N, C-alpha and C. Protein backbone atom coordinates (compact mmCIF):
# COMPACT_ATOMS: atom_id res chain seq x y z
N MET A 1 17.96 -38.25 2.48
CA MET A 1 16.79 -38.87 2.70
C MET A 1 16.22 -38.56 3.84
N SER A 2 15.06 -37.61 3.89
CA SER A 2 14.34 -37.09 5.09
C SER A 2 13.30 -38.17 5.49
N GLY A 3 12.64 -38.86 4.82
CA GLY A 3 11.78 -39.94 5.67
C GLY A 3 10.57 -39.33 5.80
N ARG A 4 10.42 -37.92 5.61
CA ARG A 4 9.05 -37.20 6.13
C ARG A 4 8.31 -37.18 4.66
N PRO A 5 6.80 -37.48 4.96
CA PRO A 5 6.01 -37.61 3.92
C PRO A 5 5.92 -36.00 3.20
N GLU A 6 5.69 -36.19 1.99
CA GLU A 6 5.58 -34.86 1.34
C GLU A 6 4.19 -34.78 0.63
N LYS A 7 3.45 -33.73 0.78
CA LYS A 7 2.22 -33.65 0.33
C LYS A 7 1.94 -33.08 -1.15
N HIS A 8 1.33 -33.82 -1.95
CA HIS A 8 1.19 -33.44 -3.58
C HIS A 8 -0.36 -33.58 -3.99
N SER A 9 -0.86 -32.54 -4.67
CA SER A 9 -2.00 -32.50 -5.16
C SER A 9 -2.17 -33.59 -6.51
N LEU A 10 -3.30 -34.37 -6.44
CA LEU A 10 -3.58 -35.14 -7.68
C LEU A 10 -4.98 -34.78 -8.04
N THR A 11 -5.27 -34.99 -9.21
CA THR A 11 -6.69 -34.92 -9.72
C THR A 11 -7.09 -36.46 -10.12
N LEU A 12 -8.29 -36.87 -9.64
CA LEU A 12 -8.91 -38.15 -9.62
C LEU A 12 -10.19 -37.90 -10.34
N ARG A 13 -10.37 -38.19 -11.48
CA ARG A 13 -11.74 -38.15 -12.37
C ARG A 13 -12.30 -36.57 -12.10
N GLY A 14 -11.35 -35.70 -12.25
CA GLY A 14 -11.97 -34.19 -12.17
C GLY A 14 -11.98 -33.61 -10.80
N HIS A 15 -11.50 -34.36 -9.77
CA HIS A 15 -11.42 -33.73 -8.54
C HIS A 15 -10.11 -33.80 -7.79
N ARG A 16 -9.66 -32.61 -7.41
CA ARG A 16 -8.48 -32.45 -6.68
C ARG A 16 -8.23 -33.10 -5.20
N THR A 17 -7.25 -33.78 -4.90
CA THR A 17 -6.93 -34.26 -3.66
C THR A 17 -5.69 -34.31 -3.29
N SER A 18 -5.28 -34.21 -2.20
CA SER A 18 -3.91 -34.33 -1.54
C SER A 18 -3.51 -35.60 -1.07
N VAL A 19 -2.18 -36.04 -1.21
CA VAL A 19 -1.78 -37.42 -0.88
C VAL A 19 -0.34 -36.98 -0.23
N SER A 20 -0.09 -37.43 0.86
CA SER A 20 1.13 -37.52 1.69
C SER A 20 1.95 -39.03 1.31
N LEU A 21 3.05 -38.96 0.80
CA LEU A 21 3.86 -40.01 0.68
C LEU A 21 5.33 -39.81 0.99
N GLU A 22 6.15 -40.57 1.44
CA GLU A 22 7.48 -40.30 1.54
C GLU A 22 8.11 -40.10 0.11
N PRO A 23 9.22 -39.33 0.08
CA PRO A 23 10.06 -38.86 -1.36
C PRO A 23 10.16 -40.39 -2.04
N GLU A 24 10.62 -41.21 -1.34
CA GLU A 24 11.23 -42.52 -2.09
C GLU A 24 9.96 -42.98 -2.66
N PHE A 25 8.69 -43.09 -1.90
CA PHE A 25 7.46 -43.62 -2.75
C PHE A 25 6.95 -42.78 -3.93
N TRP A 26 6.95 -41.27 -3.72
CA TRP A 26 6.64 -40.52 -4.89
C TRP A 26 7.73 -40.87 -6.03
N ALA A 27 8.90 -41.04 -5.93
CA ALA A 27 9.91 -41.20 -6.96
C ALA A 27 9.54 -42.84 -7.67
N ALA A 28 9.19 -43.66 -6.59
CA ALA A 28 8.92 -45.09 -7.40
C ALA A 28 7.50 -45.08 -7.91
N PHE A 29 6.65 -44.13 -7.39
CA PHE A 29 5.26 -44.13 -8.13
C PHE A 29 5.17 -43.33 -9.55
N ARG A 30 6.13 -42.34 -9.55
CA ARG A 30 6.29 -41.46 -10.79
C ARG A 30 6.81 -42.51 -11.78
N ALA A 31 8.03 -43.41 -11.35
CA ALA A 31 8.68 -44.47 -12.32
C ALA A 31 7.78 -45.42 -12.66
N LEU A 32 6.86 -45.81 -11.82
CA LEU A 32 5.64 -47.05 -12.17
C LEU A 32 4.85 -46.41 -13.22
N ALA A 33 4.21 -45.22 -13.08
CA ALA A 33 3.53 -44.50 -13.89
C ALA A 33 3.98 -44.46 -15.52
N ALA A 34 5.48 -44.07 -15.34
CA ALA A 34 6.00 -43.78 -16.60
C ALA A 34 6.25 -45.22 -17.24
N GLN A 35 6.69 -46.30 -16.51
CA GLN A 35 6.81 -47.70 -17.12
C GLN A 35 5.47 -48.22 -17.65
N LYS A 36 4.32 -47.53 -17.03
CA LYS A 36 3.19 -48.06 -17.57
C LYS A 36 2.57 -47.12 -18.61
N GLY A 37 3.16 -46.27 -19.00
CA GLY A 37 2.81 -45.28 -19.88
C GLY A 37 1.85 -44.27 -19.43
N ARG A 38 1.38 -43.90 -18.22
CA ARG A 38 0.37 -43.18 -17.99
C ARG A 38 1.05 -42.14 -16.97
N GLY A 39 0.25 -41.20 -16.69
CA GLY A 39 0.64 -40.02 -15.84
C GLY A 39 0.30 -40.49 -14.29
N ILE A 40 0.66 -39.93 -13.45
CA ILE A 40 0.50 -40.32 -12.18
C ILE A 40 -0.98 -39.85 -11.62
N ASN A 41 -1.68 -38.93 -12.33
CA ASN A 41 -3.01 -38.94 -12.12
C ASN A 41 -3.95 -40.15 -12.43
N ALA A 42 -3.65 -40.52 -13.68
CA ALA A 42 -4.35 -41.55 -14.34
C ALA A 42 -3.99 -42.91 -13.44
N LEU A 43 -2.78 -43.09 -13.17
CA LEU A 43 -2.64 -44.48 -12.20
C LEU A 43 -3.13 -44.07 -10.77
N ALA A 44 -3.08 -43.00 -10.30
CA ALA A 44 -3.82 -42.82 -9.06
C ALA A 44 -5.13 -43.11 -9.11
N ALA A 45 -5.86 -42.40 -10.22
CA ALA A 45 -7.34 -42.99 -10.28
C ALA A 45 -7.55 -44.32 -10.42
N GLU A 46 -6.63 -45.05 -11.09
CA GLU A 46 -6.94 -46.68 -10.92
C GLU A 46 -6.67 -47.11 -9.73
N ILE A 47 -5.79 -46.88 -8.94
CA ILE A 47 -5.56 -47.41 -7.71
C ILE A 47 -6.65 -46.83 -6.78
N ASP A 48 -7.27 -45.75 -7.05
CA ASP A 48 -8.32 -45.22 -6.11
C ASP A 48 -9.60 -46.17 -6.29
N ALA A 49 -9.81 -46.33 -7.63
CA ALA A 49 -10.92 -47.05 -7.93
C ALA A 49 -11.09 -48.58 -7.61
N ALA A 50 -9.76 -49.01 -7.14
CA ALA A 50 -9.56 -50.48 -6.78
C ALA A 50 -9.35 -50.65 -5.46
N ARG A 51 -9.15 -49.58 -4.51
CA ARG A 51 -8.59 -49.65 -3.23
C ARG A 51 -9.50 -50.16 -1.95
N GLY A 52 -10.83 -50.30 -2.31
CA GLY A 52 -11.60 -50.55 -1.18
C GLY A 52 -11.74 -49.74 -0.05
N ASP A 53 -11.70 -50.06 1.19
CA ASP A 53 -11.63 -49.34 2.36
C ASP A 53 -10.26 -48.93 2.88
N ARG A 54 -9.21 -49.09 1.96
CA ARG A 54 -7.91 -48.52 2.22
C ARG A 54 -7.65 -47.34 1.88
N GLY A 55 -6.85 -46.44 2.66
CA GLY A 55 -6.58 -44.97 2.27
C GLY A 55 -5.72 -45.10 1.07
N LEU A 56 -6.01 -43.84 0.26
CA LEU A 56 -5.38 -43.78 -1.03
C LEU A 56 -3.72 -43.79 -0.75
N ALA A 57 -3.20 -43.04 0.12
CA ALA A 57 -1.75 -43.18 0.33
C ALA A 57 -1.35 -44.41 0.44
N SER A 58 -1.98 -45.22 1.43
CA SER A 58 -1.69 -46.54 1.70
C SER A 58 -1.69 -47.44 0.55
N ALA A 59 -2.83 -47.21 -0.32
CA ALA A 59 -3.04 -47.96 -1.49
C ALA A 59 -1.91 -48.01 -2.51
N ILE A 60 -1.55 -46.58 -2.72
CA ILE A 60 -0.21 -46.37 -3.48
C ILE A 60 0.90 -46.99 -3.12
N ARG A 61 1.20 -46.92 -1.83
CA ARG A 61 2.33 -47.54 -1.34
C ARG A 61 2.36 -49.21 -1.76
N VAL A 62 1.03 -49.85 -1.13
CA VAL A 62 1.08 -50.98 -1.55
C VAL A 62 1.19 -51.51 -3.04
N GLN A 63 0.57 -50.64 -3.95
CA GLN A 63 0.94 -50.96 -5.35
C GLN A 63 2.13 -50.95 -5.83
N VAL A 64 2.73 -49.97 -5.36
CA VAL A 64 4.55 -49.58 -5.48
C VAL A 64 4.99 -51.00 -5.20
N LEU A 65 4.67 -51.26 -3.78
CA LEU A 65 5.39 -52.82 -3.33
C LEU A 65 5.10 -53.81 -4.08
N LEU A 66 3.96 -54.09 -4.61
CA LEU A 66 3.53 -55.11 -5.28
C LEU A 66 4.09 -55.21 -6.70
N GLU A 67 4.23 -54.08 -7.33
CA GLU A 67 4.99 -53.99 -8.78
C GLU A 67 6.38 -54.19 -8.35
N LEU A 68 7.04 -53.87 -7.46
CA LEU A 68 8.21 -54.02 -7.31
C LEU A 68 8.80 -55.61 -6.94
N GLN A 69 7.85 -56.09 -6.07
CA GLN A 69 7.97 -57.52 -5.90
C GLN A 69 7.75 -58.47 -7.16
N ARG A 70 6.54 -57.98 -7.95
CA ARG A 70 6.42 -58.70 -9.07
C ARG A 70 7.69 -58.61 -10.08
N GLU A 71 8.27 -57.58 -10.23
CA GLU A 71 9.50 -57.41 -11.02
C GLU A 71 10.61 -58.40 -10.52
N ALA A 72 10.82 -58.24 -9.24
CA ALA A 72 11.94 -59.11 -8.63
C ALA A 72 11.59 -60.54 -8.90
N ASN A 73 10.30 -60.96 -8.87
CA ASN A 73 9.99 -62.40 -9.08
C ASN A 73 10.19 -62.73 -10.55
N ASP A 74 9.94 -61.80 -11.29
CA ASP A 74 10.14 -62.14 -12.89
C ASP A 74 11.73 -61.97 -13.15
N GLU A 75 12.49 -61.39 -12.45
CA GLU A 75 13.91 -61.55 -12.70
C GLU A 75 14.35 -62.76 -12.15
N ARG A 76 13.76 -63.32 -10.95
CA ARG A 76 14.55 -64.70 -10.62
C ARG A 76 14.08 -65.79 -11.51
N ALA A 77 12.95 -65.63 -12.08
CA ALA A 77 12.30 -66.73 -12.90
C ALA A 77 13.09 -66.96 -14.24
């Protein structure tokens, strides 16, 4: 576990952008996209459209965290 962010390119609505996330967040983001039946570009575009003034990398991290918390709460219920 290096903990150093890794930069990857994404395509959002036809435009390329780079996002830096820690490897663990990339893995969780890919798993979330697969769970939702979407590619990471499509899921990133959804997050981008709803992020407000938050940076895209931060918005992805928060979305991953919220989904994991939701799953944990569902398991407890």
